[in-house]
Amino acid sequence: MKLDLTGKRLLSMTVEYSAVLHFSDGYMVRIESSFRFTLPGKQYNLSPDVDPQESFQPMSTLLHQAVTKSAINDSGALIIAFDSGATIHVEPDDEYEAWTVGGPDGFLVVSMPGGELATWEAKPDSP
């Protein structure tokens, strides 16, 4: 499944029991379980509910970068690639909602426990 994040820029990020990424055009990604953040030549395994906030400092390099690819693979993992070559990879969790992608007009995709997806399509206001 493709997401509508391609071309969106990361505007801000907060970490407090979850990693929340705010993108341009009203898109948001919330990561609530362990994930892999990769920079060219470096890899970080991060967990927002366990790791201290300073562990997420390498992700600050993503600010103002554009997304070049955003997808959900067959197992329900979320993959986001940036124009610098950095990637975020979030596997589904067996017991919890691992990640959520939200957008304008009610667009929402939630990784349910076990990797099943719950989706809501955007419904623009009609005149």
N, C-alpha and C. Protein backbone atom coordinates (compact mmCIF):
# COMPACT_ATOMS: atom_id res chain seq x y z
N MET A 1 0.84 -1.18 0.00
CA MET A 1 0.00 0.00 0.00
C MET A 1 0.88 1.24 0.00
N LYS A 2 0.59 2.16 -0.90
CA LYS A 2 1.33 3.42 -0.94
C LYS A 2 0.61 4.44 -0.07
N LEU A 3 1.40 5.34 0.48
CA LEU A 3 0.87 6.44 1.28
C LEU A 3 1.09 7.75 0.54
N ASP A 4 0.45 8.79 0.98
CA ASP A 4 0.56 10.08 0.30
C ASP A 4 1.64 10.98 0.91
N LEU A 5 2.72 10.41 1.41
CA LEU A 5 3.77 11.21 2.04
C LEU A 5 4.85 11.67 1.07
N THR A 6 4.93 11.08 -0.10
CA THR A 6 5.98 11.43 -1.04
C THR A 6 5.93 12.92 -1.37
N GLY A 7 7.09 13.57 -1.23
CA GLY A 7 7.20 15.00 -1.49
C GLY A 7 6.93 15.87 -0.27
N LYS A 8 6.36 15.29 0.78
CA LYS A 8 6.11 16.05 2.00
C LYS A 8 7.42 16.26 2.76
N ARG A 9 7.55 17.40 3.43
CA ARG A 9 8.75 17.72 4.21
C ARG A 9 8.47 17.55 5.70
N LEU A 10 9.47 17.03 6.41
CA LEU A 10 9.35 16.89 7.85
C LEU A 10 9.53 18.26 8.49
N LEU A 11 8.49 18.71 9.20
CA LEU A 11 8.50 20.04 9.80
C LEU A 11 8.95 20.02 11.26
N SER A 12 8.54 18.98 12.00
CA SER A 12 8.92 18.88 13.41
C SER A 12 8.78 17.44 13.88
N MET A 13 9.39 17.18 15.04
CA MET A 13 9.34 15.85 15.62
C MET A 13 9.32 15.99 17.13
N THR A 14 8.47 15.22 17.79
CA THR A 14 8.45 15.17 19.25
C THR A 14 8.53 13.72 19.69
N VAL A 15 9.18 13.50 20.83
CA VAL A 15 9.28 12.15 21.37
C VAL A 15 8.88 12.20 22.84
N GLU A 16 7.80 11.48 23.15
CA GLU A 16 7.35 11.33 24.52
C GLU A 16 6.44 10.11 24.55
N TYR A 17 7.00 8.95 24.81
CA TYR A 17 6.33 7.66 24.78
C TYR A 17 5.92 7.22 23.38
N SER A 18 6.03 8.12 22.43
CA SER A 18 5.86 7.80 21.02
C SER A 18 6.67 8.85 20.25
N ALA A 19 7.05 8.51 19.04
CA ALA A 19 7.74 9.47 18.17
C ALA A 19 6.69 10.00 17.20
N VAL A 20 6.48 11.32 17.21
CA VAL A 20 5.47 11.92 16.35
C VAL A 20 6.18 12.83 15.35
N LEU A 21 5.99 12.53 14.07
CA LEU A 21 6.61 13.28 12.99
C LEU A 21 5.53 14.10 12.30
N HIS A 22 5.71 15.41 12.24
CA HIS A 22 4.74 16.30 11.59
C HIS A 22 5.30 16.73 10.24
N PHE A 23 4.54 16.44 9.19
CA PHE A 23 4.94 16.74 7.83
C PHE A 23 4.13 17.89 7.25
N SER A 24 4.60 18.42 6.16
CA SER A 24 3.87 19.47 5.45
C SER A 24 2.51 18.94 4.98
N ASP A 25 1.64 19.87 4.66
CA ASP A 25 0.30 19.58 4.12
C ASP A 25 -0.58 18.80 5.09
N GLY A 26 -0.29 18.89 6.40
CA GLY A 26 -1.16 18.30 7.41
C GLY A 26 -1.01 16.81 7.65
N TYR A 27 0.11 16.22 7.26
CA TYR A 27 0.34 14.78 7.48
C TYR A 27 1.12 14.57 8.77
N MET A 28 0.88 13.42 9.43
CA MET A 28 1.51 13.08 10.68
C MET A 28 1.76 11.58 10.73
N VAL A 29 2.91 11.20 11.31
CA VAL A 29 3.21 9.80 11.56
C VAL A 29 3.49 9.67 13.05
N ARG A 30 2.81 8.72 13.70
CA ARG A 30 3.05 8.43 15.11
C ARG A 30 3.61 7.01 15.21
N ILE A 31 4.79 6.88 15.82
CA ILE A 31 5.43 5.57 15.99
C ILE A 31 5.38 5.23 17.47
N GLU A 32 4.75 4.09 17.80
CA GLU A 32 4.55 3.74 19.19
C GLU A 32 5.29 2.47 19.60
N SER A 33 6.08 1.90 18.71
CA SER A 33 6.85 0.72 19.10
C SER A 33 8.27 0.86 18.54
N SER A 34 9.08 -0.14 18.76
CA SER A 34 10.47 -0.11 18.31
C SER A 34 10.55 0.04 16.80
N PHE A 35 11.58 0.77 16.35
CA PHE A 35 11.76 0.95 14.92
C PHE A 35 13.24 1.12 14.60
N ARG A 36 13.54 1.01 13.31
CA ARG A 36 14.92 1.16 12.83
C ARG A 36 15.03 2.47 12.04
N PHE A 37 15.99 3.27 12.43
CA PHE A 37 16.30 4.52 11.71
C PHE A 37 17.68 4.34 11.11
N THR A 38 17.78 4.53 9.80
CA THR A 38 19.04 4.31 9.10
C THR A 38 19.46 5.57 8.37
N LEU A 39 20.70 5.95 8.61
CA LEU A 39 21.37 6.99 7.84
C LEU A 39 22.39 6.27 6.96
N PRO A 40 22.82 6.85 5.86
CA PRO A 40 23.85 6.18 5.08
C PRO A 40 25.06 5.84 5.96
N GLY A 41 25.33 4.55 6.11
CA GLY A 41 26.47 4.08 6.90
C GLY A 41 26.22 3.89 8.38
N LYS A 42 25.01 4.24 8.88
CA LYS A 42 24.70 4.10 10.31
C LYS A 42 23.28 3.58 10.49
N GLN A 43 23.09 2.78 11.54
CA GLN A 43 21.76 2.27 11.85
C GLN A 43 21.50 2.43 13.34
N TYR A 44 20.28 2.84 13.68
CA TYR A 44 19.86 3.02 15.07
C TYR A 44 18.59 2.22 15.29
N ASN A 45 18.56 1.45 16.36
CA ASN A 45 17.34 0.76 16.78
C ASN A 45 16.79 1.54 17.96
N LEU A 46 15.59 2.09 17.78
CA LEU A 46 15.02 3.00 18.77
C LEU A 46 13.67 2.51 19.26
N SER A 47 13.36 2.84 20.50
CA SER A 47 12.08 2.50 21.09
C SER A 47 11.58 3.71 21.87
N PRO A 48 10.53 4.38 21.39
CA PRO A 48 10.09 5.62 22.02
C PRO A 48 9.59 5.45 23.46
N ASP A 49 9.12 4.28 23.83
CA ASP A 49 8.62 4.10 25.18
C ASP A 49 9.72 3.70 26.17
N VAL A 50 10.94 3.43 25.67
CA VAL A 50 12.03 2.98 26.54
C VAL A 50 13.25 3.91 26.47
N ASP A 51 13.65 4.27 25.27
CA ASP A 51 14.88 5.05 25.09
C ASP A 51 14.69 6.51 25.52
N PRO A 52 15.74 7.10 26.13
CA PRO A 52 15.65 8.52 26.50
C PRO A 52 15.61 9.39 25.24
N GLN A 53 15.06 10.59 25.39
CA GLN A 53 14.88 11.50 24.25
C GLN A 53 16.17 11.76 23.49
N GLU A 54 17.29 11.85 24.19
CA GLU A 54 18.55 12.14 23.50
C GLU A 54 18.95 11.03 22.53
N SER A 55 18.42 9.83 22.68
CA SER A 55 18.70 8.74 21.75
C SER A 55 18.18 9.04 20.35
N PHE A 56 17.19 9.93 20.27
CA PHE A 56 16.55 10.27 19.00
C PHE A 56 17.22 11.45 18.30
N GLN A 57 18.26 12.00 18.90
CA GLN A 57 18.96 13.16 18.34
C GLN A 57 19.41 12.95 16.89
N PRO A 58 19.92 11.75 16.51
CA PRO A 58 20.31 11.58 15.10
C PRO A 58 19.18 11.83 14.11
N MET A 59 17.93 11.67 14.56
CA MET A 59 16.80 11.89 13.66
C MET A 59 16.59 13.37 13.34
N SER A 60 17.22 14.26 14.10
CA SER A 60 17.06 15.69 13.83
C SER A 60 17.60 16.06 12.45
N THR A 61 18.46 15.20 11.88
CA THR A 61 18.96 15.45 10.53
C THR A 61 17.85 15.38 9.48
N LEU A 62 16.70 14.80 9.86
CA LEU A 62 15.58 14.67 8.92
C LEU A 62 14.77 15.95 8.76
N LEU A 63 14.93 16.88 9.70
CA LEU A 63 14.12 18.10 9.64
C LEU A 63 14.31 18.82 8.30
N HIS A 64 13.20 19.17 7.70
CA HIS A 64 13.11 19.88 6.42
C HIS A 64 13.46 19.01 5.21
N GLN A 65 13.72 17.73 5.43
CA GLN A 65 13.95 16.83 4.29
C GLN A 65 12.61 16.39 3.70
N ALA A 66 12.64 16.04 2.43
CA ALA A 66 11.45 15.56 1.74
C ALA A 66 11.42 14.04 1.71
N VAL A 67 10.23 13.51 1.76
CA VAL A 67 10.02 12.07 1.65
C VAL A 67 10.11 11.68 0.18
N THR A 68 10.91 10.66 -0.12
CA THR A 68 11.03 10.17 -1.50
C THR A 68 10.22 8.89 -1.72
N LYS A 69 9.89 8.18 -0.61
CA LYS A 69 9.10 6.96 -0.72
C LYS A 69 8.41 6.74 0.61
N SER A 70 7.16 6.33 0.54
CA SER A 70 6.43 5.92 1.73
C SER A 70 5.52 4.77 1.34
N ALA A 71 5.65 3.67 2.07
CA ALA A 71 4.88 2.48 1.70
C ALA A 71 4.68 1.59 2.91
N ILE A 72 3.74 0.67 2.75
CA ILE A 72 3.50 -0.37 3.74
C ILE A 72 3.73 -1.68 3.01
N ASN A 73 4.63 -2.52 3.54
CA ASN A 73 4.92 -3.78 2.85
C ASN A 73 3.87 -4.84 3.21
N ASP A 74 4.02 -6.03 2.64
CA ASP A 74 3.04 -7.10 2.82
C ASP A 74 2.89 -7.56 4.26
N SER A 75 3.93 -7.38 5.09
CA SER A 75 3.83 -7.80 6.49
C SER A 75 3.22 -6.71 7.37
N GLY A 76 2.96 -5.53 6.80
CA GLY A 76 2.39 -4.43 7.57
C GLY A 76 3.42 -3.47 8.12
N ALA A 77 4.66 -3.57 7.65
CA ALA A 77 5.71 -2.65 8.10
C ALA A 77 5.60 -1.33 7.35
N LEU A 78 5.85 -0.25 8.06
CA LEU A 78 5.87 1.09 7.48
C LEU A 78 7.31 1.44 7.10
N ILE A 79 7.50 1.90 5.87
CA ILE A 79 8.82 2.31 5.39
C ILE A 79 8.72 3.72 4.84
N ILE A 80 9.57 4.61 5.36
CA ILE A 80 9.63 5.99 4.88
C ILE A 80 11.07 6.29 4.51
N ALA A 81 11.31 6.74 3.28
CA ALA A 81 12.65 7.11 2.81
C ALA A 81 12.68 8.61 2.55
N PHE A 82 13.84 9.21 2.83
CA PHE A 82 14.02 10.65 2.68
C PHE A 82 15.06 10.94 1.62
N ASP A 83 15.08 12.20 1.14
CA ASP A 83 15.98 12.54 0.04
C ASP A 83 17.46 12.45 0.40
N SER A 84 17.81 12.37 1.66
CA SER A 84 19.21 12.20 2.08
C SER A 84 19.65 10.74 2.03
N GLY A 85 18.71 9.83 1.81
CA GLY A 85 19.01 8.40 1.87
C GLY A 85 18.65 7.78 3.21
N ALA A 86 18.23 8.59 4.18
CA ALA A 86 17.80 8.08 5.48
C ALA A 86 16.47 7.34 5.33
N THR A 87 16.25 6.34 6.20
CA THR A 87 14.99 5.60 6.19
C THR A 87 14.51 5.35 7.61
N ILE A 88 13.21 5.20 7.72
CA ILE A 88 12.56 4.76 8.95
C ILE A 88 11.80 3.49 8.58
N HIS A 89 11.97 2.45 9.40
CA HIS A 89 11.33 1.16 9.14
C HIS A 89 10.69 0.70 10.45
N VAL A 90 9.36 0.58 10.45
CA VAL A 90 8.62 0.18 11.66
C VAL A 90 7.87 -1.11 11.38
N GLU A 91 8.27 -2.18 12.05
CA GLU A 91 7.58 -3.47 11.91
C GLU A 91 6.30 -3.44 12.74
N PRO A 92 5.30 -4.24 12.37
CA PRO A 92 4.10 -4.31 13.20
C PRO A 92 4.44 -4.95 14.55
N ASP A 93 3.60 -4.71 15.53
CA ASP A 93 3.77 -5.27 16.87
C ASP A 93 2.69 -6.32 17.08
N ASP A 94 3.02 -7.41 17.75
CA ASP A 94 2.04 -8.47 17.97
C ASP A 94 0.94 -8.08 18.96
N GLU A 95 1.25 -7.14 19.87
CA GLU A 95 0.30 -6.81 20.92
C GLU A 95 -0.26 -5.39 20.87
N TYR A 96 0.42 -4.48 20.17
CA TYR A 96 0.03 -3.08 20.21
C TYR A 96 -0.05 -2.47 18.81
N GLU A 97 -0.66 -1.29 18.73
CA GLU A 97 -0.64 -0.52 17.49
C GLU A 97 0.75 0.06 17.34
N ALA A 98 1.48 -0.36 16.31
CA ALA A 98 2.89 0.03 16.14
C ALA A 98 3.04 1.43 15.58
N TRP A 99 2.18 1.82 14.66
CA TRP A 99 2.30 3.11 13.99
C TRP A 99 0.95 3.55 13.44
N THR A 100 0.88 4.87 13.19
CA THR A 100 -0.30 5.50 12.62
C THR A 100 0.15 6.57 11.64
N VAL A 101 -0.50 6.64 10.50
CA VAL A 101 -0.27 7.72 9.54
C VAL A 101 -1.61 8.44 9.36
N GLY A 102 -1.59 9.75 9.60
CA GLY A 102 -2.81 10.54 9.44
C GLY A 102 -2.59 11.68 8.47
N GLY A 103 -3.66 12.12 7.87
CA GLY A 103 -3.57 13.23 6.91
C GLY A 103 -4.82 14.06 6.92
N PRO A 104 -4.90 14.96 5.97
CA PRO A 104 -6.04 15.86 5.90
C PRO A 104 -7.34 15.12 5.59
N ASP A 105 -8.42 15.75 5.98
CA ASP A 105 -9.77 15.27 5.66
C ASP A 105 -10.08 13.89 6.22
N GLY A 106 -9.44 13.52 7.34
CA GLY A 106 -9.75 12.25 7.99
C GLY A 106 -8.98 11.05 7.50
N PHE A 107 -8.01 11.24 6.59
CA PHE A 107 -7.20 10.11 6.12
C PHE A 107 -6.45 9.51 7.31
N LEU A 108 -6.53 8.19 7.48
CA LEU A 108 -5.87 7.53 8.61
C LEU A 108 -5.58 6.08 8.27
N VAL A 109 -4.37 5.63 8.59
CA VAL A 109 -3.99 4.22 8.49
C VAL A 109 -3.35 3.85 9.82
N VAL A 110 -3.86 2.79 10.44
CA VAL A 110 -3.36 2.35 11.74
C VAL A 110 -2.89 0.91 11.62
N SER A 111 -1.67 0.65 12.10
CA SER A 111 -1.14 -0.70 12.17
C SER A 111 -1.69 -1.36 13.43
N MET A 112 -2.63 -2.25 13.27
CA MET A 112 -3.26 -2.93 14.40
C MET A 112 -2.34 -4.02 14.92
N PRO A 113 -2.58 -4.52 16.14
CA PRO A 113 -1.76 -5.62 16.64
C PRO A 113 -1.71 -6.78 15.64
N GLY A 114 -0.51 -7.27 15.39
CA GLY A 114 -0.33 -8.36 14.44
C GLY A 114 -0.10 -7.91 13.01
N GLY A 115 -0.23 -6.61 12.73
CA GLY A 115 0.07 -6.11 11.40
C GLY A 115 -1.12 -5.85 10.51
N GLU A 116 -2.32 -6.20 10.94
CA GLU A 116 -3.50 -5.88 10.14
C GLU A 116 -3.66 -4.37 10.12
N LEU A 117 -4.17 -3.85 9.01
CA LEU A 117 -4.33 -2.41 8.86
C LEU A 117 -5.79 -1.99 8.98
N ALA A 118 -6.01 -0.90 9.71
CA ALA A 118 -7.31 -0.25 9.73
C ALA A 118 -7.14 1.05 8.94
N THR A 119 -8.01 1.29 7.97
CA THR A 119 -7.85 2.46 7.10
C THR A 119 -9.13 3.27 7.02
N TRP A 120 -8.96 4.58 6.92
CA TRP A 120 -10.04 5.51 6.68
C TRP A 120 -9.60 6.41 5.55
N GLU A 121 -10.36 6.47 4.50
CA GLU A 121 -10.05 7.31 3.36
C GLU A 121 -10.38 8.77 3.67
N ALA A 122 -9.67 9.67 3.02
CA ALA A 122 -9.94 11.09 3.17
C ALA A 122 -11.33 11.39 2.59
N LYS A 123 -12.06 12.22 3.29
CA LYS A 123 -13.38 12.63 2.82
C LYS A 123 -13.43 14.15 2.83
N PRO A 124 -13.02 14.76 1.72
CA PRO A 124 -13.05 16.22 1.66
C PRO A 124 -14.47 16.74 1.89
N ASP A 125 -14.53 17.88 2.55
CA ASP A 125 -15.84 18.52 2.77
C ASP A 125 -16.47 18.84 1.43
N SER A 126 -17.76 18.51 1.30
CA SER A 126 -18.45 18.85 0.07
C SER A 126 -19.14 20.20 0.23
N PRO A 127 -19.23 20.95 -0.88
CA PRO A 127 -19.85 22.28 -0.80
C PRO A 127 -21.31 22.25 -0.47
